[in-house]
Amino acid sequence: MDDESLVQNCVSGNGVAQRELFDRFSPLMLGVAMRYIKDKEHAEDVLQDAFIKVFKNLHRFEHKGSLEGWIRRIVVNTALDQLRKNKKNLNDLHLDDSHFELVHNSEAIGKLEAEVLMEIIHQMPDGYRTVFNMYAIEGYSHKEIAEALEISENTSKSQYSRAKSLLRKTLKKLKIER
């Protein structure tokens, strides 16, 4: 079933179509949620909340962009809402880099696959990780990040810069830097 038919069937209350939409996008969107929320159980809660919003607002999807992109934005915004509840972590700019150590895992280090990078990103302080994900992975501008997180653009730029630096240092420690 193509996206347009899937959306129409979901909006009309077709349970099979709703299950298909969830099954098609939930694994990918759990990965998106986990880039923002460290704990898998909390990320699953965010995913569930996001899909409630998806189904509630699916009638508003205008097919101007991809359905995946529309759902992704809802997941990201839902994760950001969750992080805002604990806003003090987002604004903690002066964390000591010693709080960020990758647990030694020789098998993962040998591969340097996505799991290793995700492990490094997951261990970043919340503010660094959130801005890094939004800018480098999701493609938000610093202005959009500032508005979404209710911080200044300079704070967004600073957190992104610190996140990149921390990533470089960690990769260098692991002798994986390119």
N, C-alpha and C. Protein backbone atom coordinates (compact mmCIF):
# COMPACT_ATOMS: atom_id res chain seq x y z
N MET A 1 0.86 -1.17 0.00
CA MET A 1 0.00 0.00 0.00
C MET A 1 0.91 1.24 0.00
N ASP A 2 0.66 2.17 -0.90
CA ASP A 2 1.47 3.39 -0.94
C ASP A 2 1.07 4.31 0.21
N ASP A 3 1.89 5.33 0.46
CA ASP A 3 1.67 6.21 1.60
C ASP A 3 0.32 6.93 1.54
N GLU A 4 -0.06 7.39 0.36
CA GLU A 4 -1.31 8.13 0.25
C GLU A 4 -2.52 7.25 0.60
N SER A 5 -2.54 6.04 0.08
CA SER A 5 -3.62 5.10 0.40
C SER A 5 -3.59 4.72 1.87
N LEU A 6 -2.40 4.53 2.38
CA LEU A 6 -2.24 4.17 3.79
C LEU A 6 -2.82 5.25 4.69
N VAL A 7 -2.49 6.49 4.39
CA VAL A 7 -3.00 7.62 5.19
C VAL A 7 -4.52 7.68 5.10
N GLN A 8 -5.05 7.58 3.89
CA GLN A 8 -6.52 7.64 3.71
C GLN A 8 -7.21 6.54 4.50
N ASN A 9 -6.67 5.33 4.42
CA ASN A 9 -7.27 4.21 5.15
C ASN A 9 -7.17 4.39 6.66
N CYS A 10 -6.04 4.93 7.12
CA CYS A 10 -5.88 5.17 8.56
C CYS A 10 -6.88 6.22 9.04
N VAL A 11 -7.01 7.29 8.29
CA VAL A 11 -7.92 8.38 8.66
C VAL A 11 -9.36 7.88 8.70
N SER A 12 -9.70 6.94 7.81
CA SER A 12 -11.07 6.41 7.79
C SER A 12 -11.30 5.36 8.89
N GLY A 13 -10.26 5.09 9.71
CA GLY A 13 -10.43 4.20 10.85
C GLY A 13 -10.11 2.74 10.58
N ASN A 14 -9.46 2.44 9.48
CA ASN A 14 -9.11 1.07 9.14
C ASN A 14 -7.98 0.59 10.06
N GLY A 15 -8.31 -0.35 10.92
CA GLY A 15 -7.35 -0.86 11.90
C GLY A 15 -6.16 -1.57 11.28
N VAL A 16 -6.39 -2.27 10.18
CA VAL A 16 -5.30 -2.98 9.50
C VAL A 16 -4.30 -1.96 8.95
N ALA A 17 -4.80 -0.88 8.37
CA ALA A 17 -3.93 0.17 7.84
C ALA A 17 -3.17 0.86 8.98
N GLN A 18 -3.86 1.08 10.08
CA GLN A 18 -3.20 1.72 11.23
C GLN A 18 -2.07 0.83 11.75
N ARG A 19 -2.30 -0.45 11.81
CA ARG A 19 -1.26 -1.39 12.25
C ARG A 19 -0.10 -1.39 11.26
N GLU A 20 -0.42 -1.32 9.95
CA GLU A 20 0.62 -1.30 8.93
C GLU A 20 1.48 -0.04 9.05
N LEU A 21 0.83 1.09 9.27
CA LEU A 21 1.57 2.35 9.42
C LEU A 21 2.52 2.26 10.62
N PHE A 22 2.00 1.78 11.74
CA PHE A 22 2.83 1.64 12.93
C PHE A 22 3.97 0.67 12.69
N ASP A 23 3.68 -0.49 12.13
CA ASP A 23 4.71 -1.50 11.88
C ASP A 23 5.76 -1.01 10.89
N ARG A 24 5.34 -0.23 9.92
CA ARG A 24 6.26 0.26 8.89
C ARG A 24 7.23 1.30 9.46
N PHE A 25 6.74 2.17 10.32
CA PHE A 25 7.57 3.30 10.75
C PHE A 25 8.10 3.20 12.18
N SER A 26 7.53 2.38 13.03
CA SER A 26 7.95 2.38 14.44
C SER A 26 9.40 1.95 14.67
N PRO A 27 9.94 0.96 13.97
CA PRO A 27 11.34 0.61 14.24
C PRO A 27 12.30 1.77 13.94
N LEU A 28 12.09 2.42 12.82
CA LEU A 28 12.93 3.56 12.45
C LEU A 28 12.75 4.71 13.44
N MET A 29 11.51 4.97 13.83
CA MET A 29 11.23 6.09 14.72
C MET A 29 11.69 5.82 16.14
N LEU A 30 11.77 4.55 16.54
CA LEU A 30 12.35 4.24 17.85
C LEU A 30 13.82 4.64 17.85
N GLY A 31 14.48 4.40 16.74
CA GLY A 31 15.88 4.83 16.61
C GLY A 31 16.01 6.34 16.72
N VAL A 32 15.07 7.06 16.13
CA VAL A 32 15.08 8.53 16.23
C VAL A 32 14.88 8.94 17.68
N ALA A 33 13.91 8.36 18.34
CA ALA A 33 13.63 8.70 19.75
C ALA A 33 14.84 8.38 20.63
N MET A 34 15.52 7.27 20.34
CA MET A 34 16.66 6.88 21.16
C MET A 34 17.88 7.77 20.96
N ARG A 35 17.91 8.54 19.89
CA ARG A 35 19.00 9.50 19.73
C ARG A 35 18.85 10.65 20.72
N TYR A 36 17.64 10.87 21.19
CA TYR A 36 17.37 11.96 22.13
C TYR A 36 17.20 11.47 23.56
N ILE A 37 16.61 10.33 23.72
CA ILE A 37 16.30 9.79 25.05
C ILE A 37 17.19 8.58 25.29
N LYS A 38 18.02 8.64 26.33
CA LYS A 38 19.00 7.59 26.58
C LYS A 38 18.37 6.25 26.92
N ASP A 39 17.40 6.26 27.78
CA ASP A 39 16.80 5.04 28.30
C ASP A 39 15.80 4.47 27.30
N LYS A 40 15.96 3.19 26.95
CA LYS A 40 15.10 2.58 25.93
C LYS A 40 13.63 2.61 26.33
N GLU A 41 13.34 2.35 27.60
CA GLU A 41 11.93 2.36 28.04
C GLU A 41 11.32 3.75 27.88
N HIS A 42 12.08 4.77 28.23
CA HIS A 42 11.57 6.14 28.06
C HIS A 42 11.44 6.49 26.58
N ALA A 43 12.37 6.01 25.78
CA ALA A 43 12.29 6.25 24.33
C ALA A 43 11.05 5.56 23.75
N GLU A 44 10.74 4.37 24.25
CA GLU A 44 9.52 3.68 23.81
C GLU A 44 8.27 4.45 24.22
N ASP A 45 8.31 5.06 25.42
CA ASP A 45 7.19 5.91 25.85
C ASP A 45 7.03 7.10 24.93
N VAL A 46 8.15 7.71 24.56
CA VAL A 46 8.12 8.84 23.63
C VAL A 46 7.54 8.39 22.30
N LEU A 47 7.97 7.23 21.83
CA LEU A 47 7.46 6.69 20.57
C LEU A 47 5.95 6.50 20.64
N GLN A 48 5.48 5.93 21.73
CA GLN A 48 4.04 5.70 21.89
C GLN A 48 3.30 7.03 21.89
N ASP A 49 3.78 8.01 22.65
CA ASP A 49 3.15 9.33 22.67
C ASP A 49 3.15 9.96 21.28
N ALA A 50 4.26 9.79 20.57
CA ALA A 50 4.37 10.36 19.23
C ALA A 50 3.37 9.72 18.28
N PHE A 51 3.21 8.41 18.34
CA PHE A 51 2.25 7.76 17.44
C PHE A 51 0.81 8.11 17.79
N ILE A 52 0.54 8.38 19.04
CA ILE A 52 -0.80 8.88 19.41
C ILE A 52 -1.03 10.21 18.69
N LYS A 53 -0.02 11.07 18.70
CA LYS A 53 -0.12 12.36 17.99
C LYS A 53 -0.24 12.15 16.49
N VAL A 54 0.51 11.19 15.96
CA VAL A 54 0.45 10.90 14.52
C VAL A 54 -0.98 10.53 14.13
N PHE A 55 -1.57 9.58 14.84
CA PHE A 55 -2.91 9.12 14.48
C PHE A 55 -3.96 10.21 14.72
N LYS A 56 -3.75 10.99 15.75
CA LYS A 56 -4.70 12.07 16.05
C LYS A 56 -4.66 13.16 14.97
N ASN A 57 -3.49 13.38 14.37
CA ASN A 57 -3.33 14.48 13.41
C ASN A 57 -3.11 14.03 11.97
N LEU A 58 -3.26 12.74 11.71
CA LEU A 58 -2.99 12.22 10.38
C LEU A 58 -3.86 12.88 9.30
N HIS A 59 -5.04 13.30 9.68
CA HIS A 59 -5.92 13.98 8.72
C HIS A 59 -5.32 15.31 8.24
N ARG A 60 -4.34 15.82 8.95
CA ARG A 60 -3.69 17.09 8.59
C ARG A 60 -2.51 16.90 7.64
N PHE A 61 -2.07 15.67 7.47
CA PHE A 61 -0.94 15.41 6.58
C PHE A 61 -1.36 15.74 5.15
N GLU A 62 -0.60 16.62 4.50
CA GLU A 62 -1.00 17.16 3.19
C GLU A 62 -0.25 16.52 2.02
N HIS A 63 0.55 15.52 2.23
CA HIS A 63 1.29 14.83 1.18
C HIS A 63 2.23 15.75 0.41
N LYS A 64 2.67 16.84 1.06
CA LYS A 64 3.62 17.76 0.41
C LYS A 64 5.05 17.30 0.59
N GLY A 65 5.30 16.55 1.61
CA GLY A 65 6.61 15.95 1.86
C GLY A 65 6.39 14.48 2.09
N SER A 66 7.43 13.82 2.56
CA SER A 66 7.27 12.38 2.81
C SER A 66 6.53 12.13 4.12
N LEU A 67 5.80 11.05 4.15
CA LEU A 67 5.11 10.64 5.37
C LEU A 67 6.13 10.34 6.46
N GLU A 68 7.22 9.70 6.07
CA GLU A 68 8.28 9.39 7.04
C GLU A 68 8.82 10.67 7.67
N GLY A 69 9.07 11.69 6.87
CA GLY A 69 9.58 12.96 7.39
C GLY A 69 8.59 13.63 8.34
N TRP A 70 7.32 13.55 8.00
CA TRP A 70 6.27 14.14 8.85
C TRP A 70 6.22 13.43 10.20
N ILE A 71 6.27 12.11 10.16
CA ILE A 71 6.25 11.33 11.40
C ILE A 71 7.52 11.58 12.20
N ARG A 72 8.67 11.65 11.52
CA ARG A 72 9.94 11.90 12.18
C ARG A 72 9.89 13.22 12.97
N ARG A 73 9.32 14.24 12.35
CA ARG A 73 9.24 15.54 13.02
C ARG A 73 8.40 15.46 14.29
N ILE A 74 7.31 14.69 14.23
CA ILE A 74 6.48 14.50 15.42
C ILE A 74 7.26 13.77 16.51
N VAL A 75 8.01 12.75 16.13
CA VAL A 75 8.80 11.99 17.10
C VAL A 75 9.86 12.90 17.74
N VAL A 76 10.55 13.67 16.91
CA VAL A 76 11.58 14.58 17.43
C VAL A 76 10.94 15.60 18.38
N ASN A 77 9.83 16.19 17.97
CA ASN A 77 9.17 17.18 18.83
C ASN A 77 8.68 16.56 20.13
N THR A 78 8.20 15.33 20.07
CA THR A 78 7.74 14.65 21.29
C THR A 78 8.93 14.37 22.20
N ALA A 79 10.06 13.96 21.63
CA ALA A 79 11.27 13.74 22.43
C ALA A 79 11.75 15.05 23.06
N LEU A 80 11.69 16.13 22.28
CA LEU A 80 12.10 17.43 22.82
C LEU A 80 11.18 17.88 23.95
N ASP A 81 9.88 17.61 23.80
CA ASP A 81 8.94 17.93 24.88
C ASP A 81 9.33 17.19 26.15
N GLN A 82 9.72 15.94 26.00
CA GLN A 82 10.14 15.14 27.16
C GLN A 82 11.40 15.74 27.78
N LEU A 83 12.34 16.14 26.94
CA LEU A 83 13.58 16.72 27.46
C LEU A 83 13.34 18.07 28.13
N ARG A 84 12.39 18.82 27.61
CA ARG A 84 12.06 20.12 28.21
C ARG A 84 11.57 19.96 29.64
N LYS A 85 10.94 18.82 29.92
CA LYS A 85 10.46 18.57 31.28
C LYS A 85 11.63 18.54 32.26
N ASN A 86 12.80 18.24 31.74
CA ASN A 86 14.00 18.20 32.56
C ASN A 86 15.01 19.20 31.99
N LYS A 87 14.56 20.43 31.81
CA LYS A 87 15.30 21.46 31.08
C LYS A 87 16.66 21.76 31.68
N LYS A 88 16.84 21.58 32.95
CA LYS A 88 18.13 21.92 33.54
C LYS A 88 19.27 21.16 32.88
N ASN A 89 19.00 19.95 32.41
CA ASN A 89 20.04 19.18 31.74
C ASN A 89 20.40 19.76 30.38
N LEU A 90 19.42 20.37 29.70
CA LEU A 90 19.69 20.96 28.40
C LEU A 90 20.59 22.18 28.50
N ASN A 91 20.47 22.91 29.59
CA ASN A 91 21.22 24.16 29.72
C ASN A 91 22.52 23.99 30.50
N ASP A 92 22.88 22.78 30.82
CA ASP A 92 24.10 22.53 31.58
C ASP A 92 25.29 22.52 30.62
N LEU A 93 25.83 23.71 30.36
CA LEU A 93 26.89 23.86 29.37
C LEU A 93 28.27 23.58 29.91
N HIS A 94 28.43 23.56 31.20
CA HIS A 94 29.77 23.50 31.77
C HIS A 94 30.06 22.16 32.41
N LEU A 95 29.51 21.13 31.83
CA LEU A 95 29.80 19.79 32.34
C LEU A 95 31.24 19.43 32.02
N ASP A 96 31.86 18.77 32.93
CA ASP A 96 33.22 18.30 32.76
C ASP A 96 33.22 17.13 31.78
N ASP A 97 34.11 17.16 30.81
CA ASP A 97 34.17 16.10 29.81
C ASP A 97 34.47 14.74 30.43
N SER A 98 34.93 14.71 31.68
CA SER A 98 35.22 13.42 32.31
C SER A 98 33.94 12.61 32.56
N HIS A 99 32.76 13.25 32.47
CA HIS A 99 31.51 12.52 32.63
C HIS A 99 31.22 11.66 31.40
N PHE A 100 32.05 11.78 30.41
CA PHE A 100 31.79 11.15 29.11
C PHE A 100 32.90 10.17 28.80
N GLU A 101 32.71 8.94 29.15
CA GLU A 101 33.70 7.91 28.86
C GLU A 101 32.99 6.73 28.20
N LEU A 102 33.50 6.28 27.10
CA LEU A 102 32.94 5.12 26.42
C LEU A 102 33.39 3.86 27.15
N VAL A 103 32.46 3.01 27.45
CA VAL A 103 32.79 1.73 28.06
C VAL A 103 33.57 0.92 27.04
N HIS A 104 34.68 0.38 27.46
CA HIS A 104 35.55 -0.36 26.53
C HIS A 104 34.83 -1.62 26.05
N ASN A 105 34.74 -1.72 24.76
CA ASN A 105 34.12 -2.89 24.15
C ASN A 105 34.93 -3.17 22.89
N SER A 106 35.90 -4.06 22.98
CA SER A 106 36.84 -4.27 21.88
C SER A 106 36.16 -4.72 20.60
N GLU A 107 35.12 -5.50 20.69
CA GLU A 107 34.42 -5.95 19.49
C GLU A 107 33.78 -4.77 18.76
N ALA A 108 33.11 -3.90 19.51
CA ALA A 108 32.47 -2.73 18.90
C ALA A 108 33.52 -1.76 18.37
N ILE A 109 34.61 -1.59 19.12
CA ILE A 109 35.66 -0.68 18.67
C ILE A 109 36.27 -1.17 17.38
N GLY A 110 36.44 -2.47 17.25
CA GLY A 110 36.99 -3.03 16.02
C GLY A 110 36.12 -2.75 14.81
N LYS A 111 34.84 -2.65 14.98
CA LYS A 111 33.91 -2.46 13.88
C LYS A 111 33.68 -0.99 13.52
N LEU A 112 33.57 -0.13 14.51
CA LEU A 112 33.17 1.27 14.33
C LEU A 112 31.95 1.36 13.44
N GLU A 113 30.95 0.65 13.83
CA GLU A 113 29.68 0.67 13.12
C GLU A 113 28.79 1.69 13.79
N ALA A 114 27.59 1.78 13.33
CA ALA A 114 26.62 2.74 13.86
C ALA A 114 26.41 2.57 15.35
N GLU A 115 26.48 1.32 15.85
CA GLU A 115 26.24 1.11 17.28
C GLU A 115 27.27 1.85 18.13
N VAL A 116 28.52 1.88 17.69
CA VAL A 116 29.57 2.53 18.46
C VAL A 116 29.34 4.04 18.49
N LEU A 117 29.04 4.59 17.34
CA LEU A 117 28.77 6.03 17.31
C LEU A 117 27.55 6.36 18.15
N MET A 118 26.52 5.51 18.09
CA MET A 118 25.34 5.75 18.92
C MET A 118 25.69 5.66 20.40
N GLU A 119 26.58 4.76 20.76
CA GLU A 119 27.01 4.64 22.15
C GLU A 119 27.72 5.92 22.59
N ILE A 120 28.57 6.43 21.73
CA ILE A 120 29.29 7.67 22.05
C ILE A 120 28.30 8.82 22.19
N ILE A 121 27.39 8.92 21.24
CA ILE A 121 26.40 10.01 21.28
C ILE A 121 25.50 9.88 22.51
N HIS A 122 25.12 8.66 22.85
CA HIS A 122 24.25 8.44 24.02
C HIS A 122 24.92 8.87 25.31
N GLN A 123 26.24 8.83 25.36
CA GLN A 123 26.93 9.18 26.59
C GLN A 123 27.21 10.68 26.70
N MET A 124 26.87 11.42 25.67
CA MET A 124 27.05 12.88 25.74
C MET A 124 26.07 13.45 26.75
N PRO A 125 26.43 14.56 27.38
CA PRO A 125 25.45 15.26 28.22
C PRO A 125 24.22 15.60 27.38
N ASP A 126 23.07 15.67 28.02
CA ASP A 126 21.80 15.85 27.31
C ASP A 126 21.81 17.02 26.34
N GLY A 127 22.31 18.16 26.78
CA GLY A 127 22.32 19.34 25.91
C GLY A 127 23.14 19.14 24.66
N TYR A 128 24.32 18.58 24.81
CA TYR A 128 25.18 18.31 23.66
C TYR A 128 24.49 17.35 22.70
N ARG A 129 23.99 16.24 23.27
CA ARG A 129 23.38 15.19 22.47
C ARG A 129 22.17 15.71 21.71
N THR A 130 21.34 16.50 22.36
CA THR A 130 20.13 17.00 21.72
C THR A 130 20.46 17.92 20.57
N VAL A 131 21.35 18.87 20.79
CA VAL A 131 21.71 19.81 19.72
C VAL A 131 22.43 19.07 18.59
N PHE A 132 23.33 18.15 18.94
CA PHE A 132 24.05 17.39 17.92
C PHE A 132 23.06 16.63 17.04
N ASN A 133 22.13 15.94 17.65
CA ASN A 133 21.13 15.18 16.89
C ASN A 133 20.31 16.09 15.99
N MET A 134 19.84 17.18 16.56
CA MET A 134 18.97 18.07 15.79
C MET A 134 19.72 18.70 14.61
N TYR A 135 20.96 19.11 14.83
CA TYR A 135 21.70 19.81 13.78
C TYR A 135 22.33 18.84 12.78
N ALA A 136 23.12 17.90 13.29
CA ALA A 136 23.90 17.02 12.41
C ALA A 136 23.08 15.90 11.78
N ILE A 137 22.08 15.41 12.50
CA ILE A 137 21.35 14.25 12.01
C ILE A 137 20.00 14.64 11.42
N GLU A 138 19.25 15.48 12.13
CA GLU A 138 17.92 15.85 11.66
C GLU A 138 17.92 17.03 10.68
N GLY A 139 19.00 17.82 10.67
CA GLY A 139 19.10 18.92 9.71
C GLY A 139 18.43 20.22 10.11
N TYR A 140 18.14 20.39 11.39
CA TYR A 140 17.58 21.65 11.86
C TYR A 140 18.66 22.73 11.81
N SER A 141 18.26 23.97 11.61
CA SER A 141 19.20 25.09 11.68
C SER A 141 19.37 25.47 13.15
N HIS A 142 20.42 26.24 13.45
CA HIS A 142 20.62 26.67 14.84
C HIS A 142 19.46 27.57 15.29
N LYS A 143 18.89 28.30 14.37
CA LYS A 143 17.74 29.15 14.71
C LYS A 143 16.55 28.28 15.11
N GLU A 144 16.30 27.23 14.34
CA GLU A 144 15.19 26.32 14.65
C GLU A 144 15.43 25.59 15.98
N ILE A 145 16.67 25.20 16.20
CA ILE A 145 17.01 24.53 17.46
C ILE A 145 16.78 25.47 18.63
N ALA A 146 17.24 26.70 18.48
CA ALA A 146 17.09 27.69 19.55
C ALA A 146 15.61 27.89 19.90
N GLU A 147 14.78 27.99 18.87
CA GLU A 147 13.35 28.18 19.11
C GLU A 147 12.74 26.95 19.77
N ALA A 148 13.09 25.76 19.28
CA ALA A 148 12.51 24.52 19.81
C ALA A 148 12.91 24.28 21.26
N LEU A 149 14.15 24.60 21.60
CA LEU A 149 14.66 24.32 22.95
C LEU A 149 14.59 25.52 23.88
N GLU A 150 14.13 26.65 23.31
CA GLU A 150 14.04 27.89 24.09
C GLU A 150 15.39 28.29 24.66
N ILE A 151 16.40 28.28 23.77
CA ILE A 151 17.75 28.71 24.11
C ILE A 151 18.17 29.71 23.03
N SER A 152 19.32 30.35 23.19
CA SER A 152 19.79 31.27 22.17
C SER A 152 20.48 30.49 21.04
N GLU A 153 20.59 31.14 19.88
CA GLU A 153 21.30 30.51 18.76
C GLU A 153 22.75 30.25 19.15
N ASN A 154 23.35 31.20 19.88
CA ASN A 154 24.74 31.02 20.30
C ASN A 154 24.90 29.81 21.22
N THR A 155 23.92 29.58 22.07
CA THR A 155 23.96 28.41 22.94
C THR A 155 23.89 27.14 22.10
N SER A 156 23.02 27.14 21.10
CA SER A 156 22.92 26.00 20.19
C SER A 156 24.25 25.75 19.49
N LYS A 157 24.86 26.80 18.96
CA LYS A 157 26.14 26.67 18.26
C LYS A 157 27.22 26.17 19.20
N SER A 158 27.23 26.71 20.42
CA SER A 158 28.22 26.31 21.41
C SER A 158 28.07 24.83 21.78
N GLN A 159 26.83 24.41 22.01
CA GLN A 159 26.60 23.01 22.39
C GLN A 159 27.00 22.08 21.23
N TYR A 160 26.70 22.49 20.00
CA TYR A 160 27.07 21.67 18.84
C TYR A 160 28.59 21.58 18.72
N SER A 161 29.26 22.69 18.90
CA SER A 161 30.71 22.72 18.82
C SER A 161 31.33 21.83 19.90
N ARG A 162 30.80 21.93 21.10
CA ARG A 162 31.31 21.10 22.20
C ARG A 162 31.03 19.62 21.96
N ALA A 163 29.86 19.32 21.39
CA ALA A 163 29.52 17.93 21.08
C ALA A 163 30.49 17.36 20.05
N LYS A 164 30.78 18.13 19.00
CA LYS A 164 31.73 17.66 17.98
C LYS A 164 33.11 17.45 18.58
N SER A 165 33.53 18.38 19.42
CA SER A 165 34.83 18.27 20.06
C SER A 165 34.91 17.02 20.94
N LEU A 166 33.85 16.80 21.69
CA LEU A 166 33.78 15.62 22.55
C LEU A 166 33.81 14.34 21.73
N LEU A 167 33.11 14.33 20.63
CA LEU A 167 33.10 13.17 19.73
C LEU A 167 34.50 12.92 19.18
N ARG A 168 35.17 13.99 18.73
CA ARG A 168 36.54 13.85 18.21
C ARG A 168 37.48 13.30 19.28
N LYS A 169 37.40 13.87 20.48
CA LYS A 169 38.28 13.42 21.57
C LYS A 169 38.06 11.95 21.89
N THR A 170 36.80 11.56 21.93
CA THR A 170 36.50 10.17 22.26
C THR A 170 37.01 9.24 21.17
N LEU A 171 36.80 9.61 19.91
CA LEU A 171 37.28 8.77 18.81
C LEU A 171 38.80 8.71 18.84
N LYS A 172 39.43 9.83 19.16
CA LYS A 172 40.89 9.85 19.23
C LYS A 172 41.39 8.94 20.36
N LYS A 173 40.71 8.98 21.50
CA LYS A 173 41.05 8.10 22.62
C LYS A 173 40.95 6.64 22.19
N LEU A 174 40.00 6.36 21.35
CA LEU A 174 39.80 4.98 20.89
C LEU A 174 40.66 4.65 19.67
N LYS A 175 41.44 5.64 19.23
CA LYS A 175 42.32 5.49 18.07
C LYS A 175 41.54 5.09 16.82
N ILE A 176 40.36 5.72 16.68
CA ILE A 176 39.51 5.40 15.55
C ILE A 176 39.36 6.64 14.65
N GLU A 177 39.83 7.76 15.12
CA GLU A 177 39.61 9.00 14.37
C GLU A 177 40.20 8.87 12.98
N ARG A 178 39.50 9.41 12.03
CA ARG A 178 39.94 9.30 10.63
C ARG A 178 40.88 10.41 10.27
